[in-house]
């Protein structure tokens, strides 16, 4: 096994329970707008949002457009008054930054790993959301730095994003790094294409879709055994 020195953790649905954060923020934003919440409405939003994030990873949409486009498309589909979607988008972003739900066991895990490794966070999340969340999170003091793609100027899986990370860390030896994340398309593809070892956090028992991550876990705390 390689002698790792640096762990690059994804943030959403790896350290933070983003599904829970997203659901709560969506409910609050929709309630403020006066639109009636329903499970169907949220499920449709989730599909639209996921598709737009994949498009962002491929360079097919700007981040600023994504923020409002997901709500424009949602309201258009349901025939909701369209001129409120920008306000809802702003409210959602604000509420999302207030949600700090950790994956079970993450804080204790980082406490232990931090004694042996330098821990960094790599995220494609929105700057306003991630900066707000990390300012409220107890795990912030356990990581060396947080690399937010909106600040970097490139998003995972772009190699230029990881160029920036390595330059900032100051060690070009990729054998010392391991990427840990839940997204095949951003974390795992990004790591494999760059030459990093990687661990896929397969929290939903999904298919690999042809990828070959170095390791695979179903519980985030299982990374500790891999790094022994």
Protein backbone atom coordinates (compact mmCIF):
# COMPACT_ATOMS: atom_id res chain seq x y z
CA UNK A 1 0.00 0.00 0.00
CA UNK A 2 1.20 3.52 -0.75
CA UNK A 3 2.38 5.72 2.09
CA UNK A 4 -0.23 8.44 1.90
CA UNK A 5 0.35 11.82 3.49
CA UNK A 6 -2.62 13.81 2.19
CA UNK A 7 -6.32 12.89 2.19
CA UNK A 8 -8.55 14.89 -0.18
CA UNK A 9 -12.11 14.51 1.07
CA UNK A 10 -15.14 15.58 -0.93
CA UNK A 11 -17.59 17.59 1.18
CA UNK A 12 -21.21 16.93 0.22
CA UNK A 13 -22.46 13.40 0.89
CA UNK A 14 -18.96 12.47 2.04
CA UNK A 15 -18.41 14.62 5.13
CA UNK A 16 -21.77 16.38 5.21
CA UNK A 17 -25.15 14.72 4.75
CA UNK A 18 -26.01 16.86 1.75
CA UNK A 19 -29.30 15.07 1.05
CA UNK A 20 -30.58 16.15 4.45
CA UNK A 21 -29.17 19.67 4.07
CA UNK A 22 -30.70 20.04 0.62
CA UNK A 23 -34.12 18.80 1.65
CA UNK A 24 -34.34 21.16 4.60
CA UNK A 25 -33.13 24.19 2.62
CA UNK A 26 -35.55 23.44 -0.23
CA UNK A 27 -38.50 23.18 2.15
CA UNK A 28 -37.61 26.49 3.80
CA UNK A 29 -37.14 28.34 0.50
CA UNK A 30 -40.35 26.97 -1.00
CA UNK A 31 -42.32 27.80 2.15
CA UNK A 32 -41.04 31.38 2.11
CA UNK A 33 -42.15 31.75 -1.52
CA UNK A 34 -45.68 30.64 -0.73
CA UNK A 35 -45.48 27.63 -3.05
CA UNK A 36 -46.87 24.44 -1.55
CA UNK A 37 -44.23 21.81 -0.88
CA UNK A 38 -44.77 18.25 -2.05
CA UNK A 39 -42.58 15.19 -2.32
CA UNK A 40 -43.20 15.18 -6.07
CA UNK A 41 -42.06 18.79 -6.39
CA UNK A 42 -38.86 18.03 -4.51
CA UNK A 43 -38.20 14.84 -6.47
CA UNK A 44 -38.52 16.77 -9.74
CA UNK A 45 -36.20 19.49 -8.46
CA UNK A 46 -33.65 16.86 -7.48
CA UNK A 47 -33.63 15.35 -10.99
CA UNK A 48 -33.29 18.77 -12.64
CA UNK A 49 -30.56 19.86 -10.23
CA UNK A 50 -28.55 16.67 -10.63
CA UNK A 51 -28.66 16.98 -14.41
CA UNK A 52 -27.43 20.57 -14.30
CA UNK A 53 -24.55 19.70 -11.96
CA UNK A 54 -23.45 16.97 -14.36
CA UNK A 55 -23.59 19.55 -17.13
CA UNK A 56 -21.44 21.88 -15.02
CA UNK A 57 -18.83 19.16 -14.54
CA UNK A 58 -18.69 18.82 -18.34
CA UNK A 59 -18.30 22.56 -18.82
CA UNK A 60 -21.74 22.89 -20.41
CA UNK A 61 -23.22 25.49 -18.07
CA UNK A 62 -21.95 28.37 -15.96
CA UNK A 63 -22.30 28.12 -12.19
CA UNK A 64 -24.19 31.42 -11.95
CA UNK A 65 -26.71 30.13 -14.47
CA UNK A 66 -27.14 26.84 -12.65
CA UNK A 67 -28.18 28.62 -9.43
CA UNK A 68 -31.33 30.03 -11.01
CA UNK A 69 -31.91 27.70 -13.97
CA UNK A 70 -32.85 24.76 -11.74
CA UNK A 71 -35.71 26.77 -10.26
CA UNK A 72 -36.74 28.32 -13.57
CA UNK A 73 -37.08 24.85 -15.10
CA UNK A 74 -38.89 23.51 -12.04
CA UNK A 75 -41.45 26.32 -11.93
CA UNK A 76 -41.92 26.20 -15.69
CA UNK A 77 -42.72 22.49 -15.48
CA UNK A 78 -45.38 23.03 -12.82
CA UNK A 79 -46.78 26.26 -14.24
CA UNK A 80 -45.76 28.26 -11.19
CA UNK A 81 -45.48 32.04 -11.52
CA UNK A 82 -42.07 32.36 -13.10
CA UNK A 83 -40.90 35.76 -11.81
CA UNK A 84 -40.29 34.42 -8.30
CA UNK A 85 -37.71 31.78 -9.22
CA UNK A 86 -34.72 34.10 -8.76
CA UNK A 87 -35.82 35.00 -5.23
CA UNK A 88 -36.36 31.35 -4.39
CA UNK A 89 -32.89 30.53 -5.71
CA UNK A 90 -31.34 33.17 -3.43
CA UNK A 91 -33.32 32.00 -0.43
CA UNK A 92 -32.38 28.38 -1.07
CA UNK A 93 -28.68 29.24 -1.25
CA UNK A 94 -28.95 31.16 2.03
CA UNK A 95 -30.80 28.38 3.83
CA UNK A 96 -28.46 25.72 2.45
CA UNK A 97 -25.47 27.47 3.98
CA UNK A 98 -27.15 27.21 7.37
CA UNK A 99 -27.51 23.42 7.25
CA UNK A 100 -24.62 21.59 8.91
CA UNK A 101 -25.54 17.92 9.14
CA UNK A 102 -22.50 15.68 9.33
CA UNK A 103 -22.34 12.10 8.10
CA UNK A 104 -22.43 9.90 11.21
CA UNK A 105 -18.99 9.39 12.69
CA UNK A 106 -17.20 11.96 10.51
CA UNK A 107 -16.01 14.28 13.29
CA UNK A 108 -14.47 11.46 15.32
CA UNK A 109 -12.97 9.97 12.13
CA UNK A 110 -11.25 13.21 11.19
CA UNK A 111 -10.00 13.63 14.75
CA UNK A 112 -8.22 10.28 14.50
CA UNK A 113 -6.98 10.66 10.91
CA UNK A 114 -5.70 14.16 11.58
CA UNK A 115 -3.06 12.74 13.87
CA UNK A 116 -1.47 10.89 10.94
CA UNK A 117 -2.46 12.73 7.76
CA UNK A 118 -2.94 16.23 6.38
CA UNK A 119 -6.64 16.51 5.57
CA UNK A 120 -8.04 18.75 2.83
CA UNK A 121 -11.52 19.24 1.42
CA UNK A 122 -12.19 19.36 -2.33
CA UNK A 123 -15.66 20.53 -3.32
CA UNK A 124 -17.66 21.72 -6.31
CA UNK A 125 -20.22 23.30 -3.99
CA UNK A 126 -21.15 26.98 -4.20
CA UNK A 127 -18.73 29.33 -2.46
CA UNK A 128 -21.38 31.15 -0.43
CA UNK A 129 -22.87 27.86 0.75
CA UNK A 130 -19.63 26.09 1.60
CA UNK A 131 -18.03 29.07 3.32
CA UNK A 132 -21.14 29.54 5.43
CA UNK A 133 -21.37 25.84 6.25
CA UNK A 134 -17.71 25.48 7.19
CA UNK A 135 -17.87 28.62 9.33
CA UNK A 136 -20.53 26.85 11.39
CA UNK A 137 -19.05 23.35 11.35
CA UNK A 138 -16.93 21.81 14.08
CA UNK A 139 -14.94 19.84 11.50
CA UNK A 140 -13.38 23.00 10.03
CA UNK A 141 -10.61 23.07 12.61
CA UNK A 142 -9.67 19.51 11.61
CA UNK A 143 -8.82 20.27 7.96
CA UNK A 144 -5.84 22.14 6.53
CA UNK A 145 -7.76 23.90 3.77
CA UNK A 146 -10.97 23.81 1.74
CA UNK A 147 -10.68 24.06 -2.05
CA UNK A 148 -13.96 25.38 -3.45
CA UNK A 149 -14.16 25.09 -7.22
CA UNK A 150 -15.88 28.44 -7.64
CA UNK A 151 -12.84 30.07 -6.02
CA UNK A 152 -10.35 27.87 -7.87
CA UNK A 153 -11.86 28.71 -11.25
CA UNK A 154 -12.20 25.08 -12.32
CA UNK A 155 -14.43 22.25 -11.12
CA UNK A 156 -13.76 18.58 -10.48
CA UNK A 157 -12.99 16.47 -12.52
CA UNK A 158 -10.98 19.09 -14.49
CA UNK A 159 -7.24 18.42 -14.18
CA UNK A 160 -6.67 22.16 -13.71
CA UNK A 161 -8.64 21.96 -10.48
CA UNK A 162 -6.27 19.33 -9.12
CA UNK A 163 -3.26 21.27 -10.45
CA UNK A 164 -4.36 24.08 -8.17
CA UNK A 165 -4.79 21.74 -5.20
CA UNK A 166 -1.29 20.27 -5.57
CA UNK A 167 0.25 23.69 -6.09
CA UNK A 168 -1.44 24.97 -2.92
CA UNK A 169 -0.47 21.93 -0.85
CA UNK A 170 3.08 22.28 -2.14
CA UNK A 171 3.88 18.63 -2.80
CA UNK A 172 3.78 17.41 -6.43
CA UNK A 173 4.19 13.70 -5.55
CA UNK A 174 0.74 12.30 -6.46
CA UNK A 175 1.56 8.96 -4.81
CA UNK A 176 1.16 10.67 -1.43
CA UNK A 177 -2.46 11.66 -2.10
CA UNK A 178 -5.73 9.76 -1.87
CA UNK A 179 -9.10 11.16 -2.95
CA UNK A 180 -12.19 10.11 -0.99
CA UNK A 181 -15.63 10.96 -2.36
CA UNK A 182 -19.09 9.76 -3.31
CA UNK A 183 -19.30 11.08 -6.88
CA UNK A 184 -18.10 8.83 -9.69
CA UNK A 185 -18.22 11.64 -12.25
CA UNK A 186 -16.33 14.29 -10.28
CA UNK A 187 -14.33 12.67 -7.47
CA UNK A 188 -13.47 9.27 -8.91
CA UNK A 189 -13.12 10.28 -12.57
CA UNK A 190 -11.09 13.29 -11.50
CA UNK A 191 -8.78 11.19 -9.33
CA UNK A 192 -8.29 8.42 -11.89
CA UNK A 193 -7.61 10.84 -14.73
CA UNK A 194 -5.06 12.72 -12.62
CA UNK A 195 -3.31 9.59 -11.38
CA UNK A 196 -4.38 9.68 -7.74
CA UNK A 197 -5.39 6.64 -5.76
CA UNK A 198 -9.01 7.02 -4.76
CA UNK A 199 -11.68 5.58 -2.52
CA UNK A 200 -15.28 5.62 -3.68
CA UNK A 201 -17.76 6.15 -0.87
CA UNK A 202 -20.59 4.08 -2.33
CA UNK A 203 -23.23 5.02 0.19
CA UNK A 204 -26.19 3.97 -1.95
CA UNK A 205 -24.96 0.60 -3.27
CA UNK A 206 -24.68 2.03 -6.79
CA UNK A 207 -23.05 0.51 -9.85
CA UNK A 208 -19.48 1.52 -10.70
CA UNK A 209 -20.47 2.21 -14.30
CA UNK A 210 -17.15 0.94 -15.59
CA UNK A 211 -14.93 2.86 -13.18
CA UNK A 212 -12.17 1.16 -11.23
CA UNK A 213 -11.53 3.07 -8.01
CA UNK A 214 -8.58 1.90 -5.95
CA UNK A 215 -10.87 1.17 -3.01
CA UNK A 216 -14.60 1.13 -2.32
CA UNK A 217 -16.44 1.58 0.98
CA UNK A 218 -20.08 1.71 2.04
CA UNK A 219 -19.50 3.52 5.36
CA UNK A 220 -17.22 6.56 5.54
CA UNK A 221 -15.52 5.27 8.69
CA UNK A 222 -14.27 2.24 6.72
CA UNK A 223 -11.60 4.47 5.16
CA UNK A 224 -9.69 4.20 8.43
CA UNK A 225 -9.04 0.47 7.96
CA UNK A 226 -7.79 1.11 4.42
CA UNK A 227 -5.33 3.69 5.71
CA UNK A 228 -3.89 1.53 8.48
